[in-house]
C-alpha atoms as a PDB file:
ATOM      1  CA  MET A   1      -2.569 127.393  23.881  1.00  0.00           C
ATOM      2  CA  LYS A   2      -6.095 126.469  22.185  1.00  0.00           C
ATOM      3  CA  ILE A   3      -7.639 124.338  25.130  1.00  0.00           C
ATOM      4  CA  MET A   4     -11.311 122.769  24.892  1.00  0.00           C
ATOM      5  CA  LEU A   5     -12.333 122.727  27.924  1.00  0.00           C
ATOM      6  CA  ILE A   6     -15.539 120.248  28.703  1.00  0.00           C
ATOM      7  CA  GLY A   7     -18.160 121.290  32.024  1.00  0.00           C
ATOM      8  CA  ALA A   8     -16.613 124.808  32.194  1.00  0.00           C
ATOM      9  CA  SER A   9     -20.034 125.989  33.472  1.00  0.00           C
ATOM     10  CA  GLY A  10     -19.873 123.870  36.640  1.00  0.00           C
ATOM     11  CA  THR A  11     -18.483 124.766  39.906  1.00  0.00           C
ATOM     12  CA  LEU A  12     -14.675 122.873  39.176  1.00  0.00           C
ATOM     13  CA  GLY A  13     -14.893 123.912  35.578  1.00  0.00           C
ATOM     14  CA  SER A  14     -15.162 127.591  36.279  1.00  0.00           C
ATOM     15  CA  ALA A  15     -12.134 127.565  38.403  1.00  0.00           C
ATOM     16  CA  VAL A  16     -10.368 125.665  36.095  1.00  0.00           C
ATOM     17  CA  HIS A  17     -11.427 128.086  33.083  1.00  0.00           C
ATOM     18  CA  ARG A  18     -10.740 131.245  35.033  1.00  0.00           C
ATOM     19  CA  THR A  19      -7.241 129.565  36.117  1.00  0.00           C
ATOM     20  CA  LEU A  20      -6.480 128.746  32.399  1.00  0.00           C
ATOM     21  CA  ALA A  21      -7.701 132.209  31.210  1.00  0.00           C
ATOM     22  CA  ASP A  22      -5.557 134.120  33.448  1.00  0.00           C
ATOM     23  CA  ARG A  23      -2.585 132.019  32.086  1.00  0.00           C
ATOM     24  CA  GLY A  24      -3.113 133.302  28.649  1.00  0.00           C
ATOM     25  CA  HIS A  25      -5.088 130.417  27.476  1.00  0.00           C
ATOM     26  CA  ASP A  26      -7.531 130.441  24.196  1.00  0.00           C
ATOM     27  CA  VAL A  27     -10.443 128.141  26.040  1.00  0.00           C
ATOM     28  CA  LEU A  28     -13.452 126.740  24.178  1.00  0.00           C
ATOM     29  CA  THR A  29     -15.987 126.060  27.092  1.00  0.00           C
ATOM     30  CA  VAL A  30     -18.536 123.448  25.959  1.00  0.00           C
ATOM     31  CA  GLY A  31     -21.130 122.234  28.623  1.00  0.00           C
ATOM     32  CA  ARG A  32     -24.894 120.557  27.861  1.00  0.00           C
ATOM     33  CA  GLY A  33     -26.723 123.535  28.259  1.00  0.00           C
ATOM     34  CA  ALA A  34     -24.397 126.237  28.391  1.00  0.00           C
ATOM     35  CA  GLY A  35     -20.913 127.569  26.847  1.00  0.00           C
ATOM     36  CA  ALA A  36     -19.339 128.404  23.264  1.00  0.00           C
ATOM     37  CA  LEU A  37     -20.117 124.990  22.404  1.00  0.00           C
ATOM     38  CA  ARG A  38     -22.996 122.465  23.691  1.00  0.00           C
ATOM     39  CA  ALA A  39     -22.834 119.195  23.355  1.00  0.00           C
ATOM     40  CA  ASP A  40     -23.935 115.578  25.187  1.00  0.00           C
ATOM     41  CA  VAL A  41     -20.206 113.807  25.380  1.00  0.00           C
ATOM     42  CA  SER A  42     -22.048 110.626  26.561  1.00  0.00           C
ATOM     43  CA  ASP A  43     -23.112 110.655  23.311  1.00  0.00           C
ATOM     44  CA  PRO A  44     -20.217 109.276  21.005  1.00  0.00           C
ATOM     45  CA  ALA A  45     -22.107 111.193  18.014  1.00  0.00           C
ATOM     46  CA  GLY A  46     -21.950 113.950  19.742  1.00  0.00           C
ATOM     47  CA  VAL A  47     -18.514 113.958  20.540  1.00  0.00           C
ATOM     48  CA  ALA A  48     -17.299 113.784  16.662  1.00  0.00           C
ATOM     49  CA  ALA A  49     -19.752 117.133  16.611  1.00  0.00           C
ATOM     50  CA  LEU A  50     -17.541 118.556  19.072  1.00  0.00           C
ATOM     51  CA  TYR A  51     -14.591 118.010  17.587  1.00  0.00           C
ATOM     52  CA  ASP A  52     -16.221 119.215  14.030  1.00  0.00           C
ATOM     53  CA  ALA A  53     -16.992 122.352  15.849  1.00  0.00           C
ATOM     54  CA  ALA A  54     -13.902 122.864  17.649  1.00  0.00           C
ATOM     55  CA  GLY A  55     -11.389 123.354  14.703  1.00  0.00           C
ATOM     56  CA  PRO A  56      -7.553 122.624  15.568  1.00  0.00           C
ATOM     57  CA  LEU A  57      -6.889 122.249  19.476  1.00  0.00           C
ATOM     58  CA  ASP A  58      -3.656 121.420  21.341  1.00  0.00           C
ATOM     59  CA  ALA A  59      -5.872 120.050  24.537  1.00  0.00           C
ATOM     60  CA  VAL A  60      -8.750 118.679  25.779  1.00  0.00           C
ATOM     61  CA  ALA A  61      -9.675 118.850  29.277  1.00  0.00           C
ATOM     62  CA  CYS A  62     -13.024 117.795  30.845  1.00  0.00           C
ATOM     63  CA  ALA A  63     -14.256 118.817  34.234  1.00  0.00           C
ATOM     64  CA  ALA A  64     -17.558 116.885  34.252  1.00  0.00           C
ATOM     65  CA  GLY A  65     -19.019 113.726  34.494  1.00  0.00           C
ATOM     66  CA  ASP A  66     -22.396 112.257  35.757  1.00  0.00           C
ATOM     67  CA  VAL A  67     -22.783 109.292  38.465  1.00  0.00           C
ATOM     68  CA  PRO A  68     -25.632 108.237  40.594  1.00  0.00           C
ATOM     69  CA  PHE A  69     -24.919 107.841  44.233  1.00  0.00           C
ATOM     70  CA  LYS A  70     -27.311 105.141  45.883  1.00  0.00           C
ATOM     71  CA  PRO A  71     -26.818 102.282  48.660  1.00  0.00           C
ATOM     72  CA  LEU A  72     -25.279  99.035  46.440  1.00  0.00           C
ATOM     73  CA  SER A  73     -28.584  97.480  47.461  1.00  0.00           C
ATOM     74  CA  ALA A  74     -30.727 100.262  45.624  1.00  0.00           C
ATOM     75  CA  LEU A  75     -28.668 100.230  42.490  1.00  0.00           C
ATOM     76  CA  THR A  76     -29.845  98.944  39.541  1.00  0.00           C
ATOM     77  CA  ALA A  77     -27.914  97.617  36.148  1.00  0.00           C
ATOM     78  CA  ASP A  78     -29.020 100.957  34.453  1.00  0.00           C
ATOM     79  CA  ASP A  79     -27.418 103.103  37.448  1.00  0.00           C
ATOM     80  CA  PHE A  80     -24.247 101.550  36.834  1.00  0.00           C
ATOM     81  CA  HIS A  81     -24.510 101.846  33.213  1.00  0.00           C
ATOM     82  CA  ALA A  82     -25.904 105.094  33.564  1.00  0.00           C
ATOM     83  CA  GLY A  83     -22.216 105.904  35.509  1.00  0.00           C
ATOM     84  CA  LEU A  84     -20.004 104.367  33.405  1.00  0.00           C
ATOM     85  CA  ARG A  85     -21.862 106.454  30.337  1.00  0.00           C
ATOM     86  CA  GLY A  86     -21.637 109.508  32.151  1.00  0.00           C
ATOM     87  CA  LYS A  87     -18.190 109.597  33.535  1.00  0.00           C
ATOM     88  CA  VAL A  88     -16.028 106.915  31.952  1.00  0.00           C
ATOM     89  CA  LEU A  89     -17.077 106.159  28.666  1.00  0.00           C
ATOM     90  CA  SER A  90     -17.369 109.914  27.910  1.00  0.00           C
ATOM     91  CA  GLN A  91     -13.900 110.525  28.574  1.00  0.00           C
ATOM     92  CA  VAL A  92     -12.770 107.896  26.960  1.00  0.00           C
ATOM     93  CA  GLU A  93     -14.726 109.132  23.760  1.00  0.00           C
ATOM     94  CA  LEU A  94     -12.942 112.114  23.971  1.00  0.00           C
ATOM     95  CA  VAL A  95      -9.398 110.716  23.684  1.00  0.00           C
ATOM     96  CA  ARG A  96     -10.632 108.018  21.638  1.00  0.00           C
ATOM     97  CA  GLN A  97     -11.797 110.470  19.106  1.00  0.00           C
ATOM     98  CA  GLY A  98      -9.567 113.549  19.738  1.00  0.00           C
ATOM     99  CA  VAL A  99      -6.006 111.785  19.207  1.00  0.00           C
ATOM    100  CA  SER A 100      -6.632 111.794  15.254  1.00  0.00           C
ATOM    101  CA  ARG A 101      -8.054 116.100  15.868  1.00  0.00           C
ATOM    102  CA  ILE A 102      -5.432 117.833  18.461  1.00  0.00           C
ATOM    103  CA  ALA A 103      -2.007 118.731  18.368  1.00  0.00           C
ATOM    104  CA  GLU A 104       0.888 116.278  17.411  1.00  0.00           C
ATOM    105  CA  ARG A 105       2.183 116.979  20.998  1.00  0.00           C
ATOM    106  CA  GLY A 106      -1.308 118.152  22.478  1.00  0.00           C
ATOM    107  CA  SER A 107      -2.916 116.822  25.570  1.00  0.00           C
ATOM    108  CA  PHE A 108      -5.783 115.440  27.463  1.00  0.00           C
ATOM    109  CA  THR A 109      -6.990 116.098  31.098  1.00  0.00           C
ATOM    110  CA  LEU A 110      -9.510 113.877  32.347  1.00  0.00           C
ATOM    111  CA  VAL A 111     -10.813 114.150  35.894  1.00  0.00           C
ATOM    112  CA  THR A 112     -11.463 111.227  38.343  1.00  0.00           C
ATOM    113  CA  GLY A 113     -12.143 111.454  42.187  1.00  0.00           C
ATOM    114  CA  VAL A 114     -11.118 110.612  45.932  1.00  0.00           C
ATOM    115  CA  LEU A 115     -13.353 107.875  45.679  1.00  0.00           C
ATOM    116  CA  ALA A 116     -11.029 105.689  43.589  1.00  0.00           C
ATOM    117  CA  ARG A 117      -8.826 105.284  46.526  1.00  0.00           C
ATOM    118  CA  GLU A 118     -11.486 106.417  49.530  1.00  0.00           C
ATOM    119  CA  PRO A 119     -14.894 105.021  49.219  1.00  0.00           C
ATOM    120  CA  ILE A 120     -18.087 106.095  50.862  1.00  0.00           C
ATOM    121  CA  VAL A 121     -21.390 105.028  51.418  1.00  0.00           C
ATOM    122  CA  ALA A 122     -23.544 104.828  48.367  1.00  0.00           C
ATOM    123  CA  GLY A 123     -20.704 106.058  46.389  1.00  0.00           C
ATOM    124  CA  SER A 124     -19.837 101.947  44.524  1.00  0.00           C
ATOM    125  CA  VAL A 125     -20.761 103.925  40.912  1.00  0.00           C
ATOM    126  CA  ALA A 126     -18.261 106.583  41.168  1.00  0.00           C
ATOM    127  CA  SER A 127     -15.582 104.254  42.741  1.00  0.00           C
ATOM    128  CA  LEU A 128     -16.074 101.893  39.683  1.00  0.00           C
ATOM    129  CA  ALA A 129     -15.683 104.792  37.387  1.00  0.00           C
ATOM    130  CA  ASN A 130     -12.735 106.766  38.851  1.00  0.00           C
ATOM    131  CA  GLY A 131     -10.989 103.784  39.313  1.00  0.00           C
ATOM    132  CA  ALA A 132     -11.540 102.869  35.497  1.00  0.00           C
ATOM    133  CA  ILE A 133     -10.557 106.364  34.454  1.00  0.00           C
ATOM    134  CA  GLU A 134      -7.507 106.312  36.386  1.00  0.00           C
ATOM    135  CA  ALA A 135      -6.421 102.791  34.738  1.00  0.00           C
ATOM    136  CA  PHE A 136      -7.707 104.259  31.449  1.00  0.00           C
ATOM    137  CA  VAL A 137      -5.080 106.911  31.760  1.00  0.00           C
ATOM    138  CA  ARG A 138      -2.116 104.487  32.648  1.00  0.00           C
ATOM    139  CA  ALA A 139      -3.012 102.406  29.901  1.00  0.00           C
ATOM    140  CA  ALA A 140      -3.694 105.163  26.827  1.00  0.00           C
ATOM    141  CA  ALA A 141      -0.530 106.862  27.896  1.00  0.00           C
ATOM    142  CA  ILE A 142       1.561 104.466  26.433  1.00  0.00           C
ATOM    143  CA  GLU A 143      -0.445 104.517  23.403  1.00  0.00           C
ATOM    144  CA  ILE A 144      -0.348 107.757  22.008  1.00  0.00           C
ATOM    145  CA  ALA A 145       2.744 109.459  22.711  1.00  0.00           C
ATOM    146  CA  PRO A 146       3.867 112.255  21.833  1.00  0.00           C
ATOM    147  CA  GLN A 147       0.466 113.141  22.798  1.00  0.00           C
ATOM    148  CA  ARG A 148      -0.054 112.734  26.323  1.00  0.00           C
ATOM    149  CA  VAL A 149      -3.102 112.126  28.878  1.00  0.00           C
ATOM    150  CA  ASN A 150      -3.178 112.631  32.951  1.00  0.00           C
ATOM    151  CA  ALA A 151      -6.296 112.756  35.260  1.00  0.00           C
ATOM    152  CA  VAL A 152      -7.043 114.850  37.650  1.00  0.00           C
ATOM    153  CA  SER A 153      -8.472 113.530  41.492  1.00  0.00           C
ATOM    154  CA  PRO A 154      -9.430 115.912  44.043  1.00  0.00           C
ATOM    155  CA  THR A 155     -11.066 115.220  47.071  1.00  0.00           C
ATOM    156  CA  ILE A 156     -14.199 117.021  48.067  1.00  0.00           C
ATOM    157  CA  VAL A 157     -13.233 120.960  47.500  1.00  0.00           C
ATOM    158  CA  THR A 158     -14.031 123.339  50.227  1.00  0.00           C
ATOM    159  CA  GLU A 159     -16.092 125.516  48.107  1.00  0.00           C
ATOM    160  CA  SER A 160     -18.867 122.144  48.184  1.00  0.00           C
ATOM    161  CA  VAL A 161     -18.297 121.192  51.580  1.00  0.00           C
ATOM    162  CA  PRO A 162     -21.336 123.085  53.113  1.00  0.00           C
ATOM    163  CA  ASP A 163     -23.668 120.825  50.325  1.00  0.00           C
ATOM    164  CA  TYR A 164     -21.527 117.407  50.156  1.00  0.00           C
ATOM    165  CA  GLY A 165     -19.245 117.211  53.321  1.00  0.00           C
ATOM    166  CA  ASP A 166     -21.613 114.957  54.969  1.00  0.00           C
ATOM    167  CA  PHE A 167     -20.974 112.509  52.590  1.00  0.00           C
ATOM    168  CA  PHE A 168     -17.614 112.826  52.427  1.00  0.00           C
ATOM    169  CA  ARG A 169     -17.070 112.549  56.953  1.00  0.00           C
ATOM    170  CA  GLY A 170     -13.458 113.201  58.178  1.00  0.00           C
ATOM    171  CA  MET A 171     -11.844 113.695  54.433  1.00  0.00           C
ATOM    172  CA  PRO A 172      -9.922 116.794  54.320  1.00  0.00           C
ATOM    173  CA  SER A 173     -11.578 119.377  51.581  1.00  0.00           C
ATOM    174  CA  VAL A 174      -9.027 120.864  48.877  1.00  0.00           C
ATOM    175  CA  ASP A 175      -9.657 124.540  47.671  1.00  0.00           C
ATOM    176  CA  LEU A 176     -10.987 124.976  43.848  1.00  0.00           C
ATOM    177  CA  ALA A 177      -7.535 126.850  43.233  1.00  0.00           C
ATOM    178  CA  ASP A 178      -5.434 123.708  43.847  1.00  0.00           C
ATOM    179  CA  VAL A 179      -7.698 121.599  41.802  1.00  0.00           C
ATOM    180  CA  ALA A 180      -6.999 124.252  39.147  1.00  0.00           C
ATOM    181  CA  ARG A 181      -3.127 124.037  39.661  1.00  0.00           C
ATOM    182  CA  ALA A 182      -3.568 120.216  38.822  1.00  0.00           C
ATOM    183  CA  TYR A 183      -4.793 121.098  35.689  1.00  0.00           C
ATOM    184  CA  VAL A 184      -2.513 123.280  34.703  1.00  0.00           C
ATOM    185  CA  ARG A 185       0.634 120.834  35.615  1.00  0.00           C
ATOM    186  CA  SER A 186      -1.200 118.508  33.601  1.00  0.00           C
ATOM    187  CA  ILE A 187      -2.243 120.787  30.374  1.00  0.00           C
ATOM    188  CA  GLU A 188       1.352 122.776  30.504  1.00  0.00           C
ATOM    189  CA  GLY A 189       3.675 120.153  31.505  1.00  0.00           C
ATOM    190  CA  ALA A 190       5.723 116.934  30.141  1.00  0.00           C
ATOM    191  CA  GLN A 191       4.004 113.789  32.073  1.00  0.00           C
ATOM    192  CA  THR A 192       1.594 111.484  30.820  1.00  0.00           C
ATOM    193  CA  GLY A 193       0.055 108.313  32.453  1.00  0.00           C
ATOM    194  CA  GLN A 194      -0.082 110.417  35.807  1.00  0.00           C
ATOM    195  CA  VAL A 195      -3.074 110.987  38.142  1.00  0.00           C
ATOM    196  CA  PHE A 196      -2.463 114.099  39.702  1.00  0.00           C
ATOM    197  CA  ILE A 197      -3.854 114.227  43.226  1.00  0.00           C
ATOM    198  CA  PRO A 198      -4.284 117.928  44.352  1.00  0.00           C
END
């Protein structure tokens, strides 16, 4: 399959890229500062240009999404707008514009995270964004068939515990390889409207 992977140079994206490539897929990497194609997917015009440059695709997968982490008392309306634009609207736009651009039985795999169901201090924007993506996946799935859409919702990855473990106290971690396998399940499988929790 020809798969466009957004966020391919990040910690998660790199693992997903390697896994998909090892399985024989043609992976078109996308990032803001690195990748075969460069794009800011928080800009709808950038998403349109990205699809124009990519050509025919079988699947689109996203492993990127920016949200601010601050205590609720310190968050501004702009912080919430930034989180929605950076993680929710960017991924919604990939699906909205992509349904006419990918294969008839193609798929979309979006990224959410544990904070949709297990909140942490200073994570309210991430919880809001993750919950919104998971609701969108369920709703979009009933409208875009036979195309499919799913989300992968990991907890903190083991490889990032040294940097971010203090924010996720007491939460079990998951290896990057397990998260990458959830992307494979979404892309190569037959299910739709699912939130895969590796």
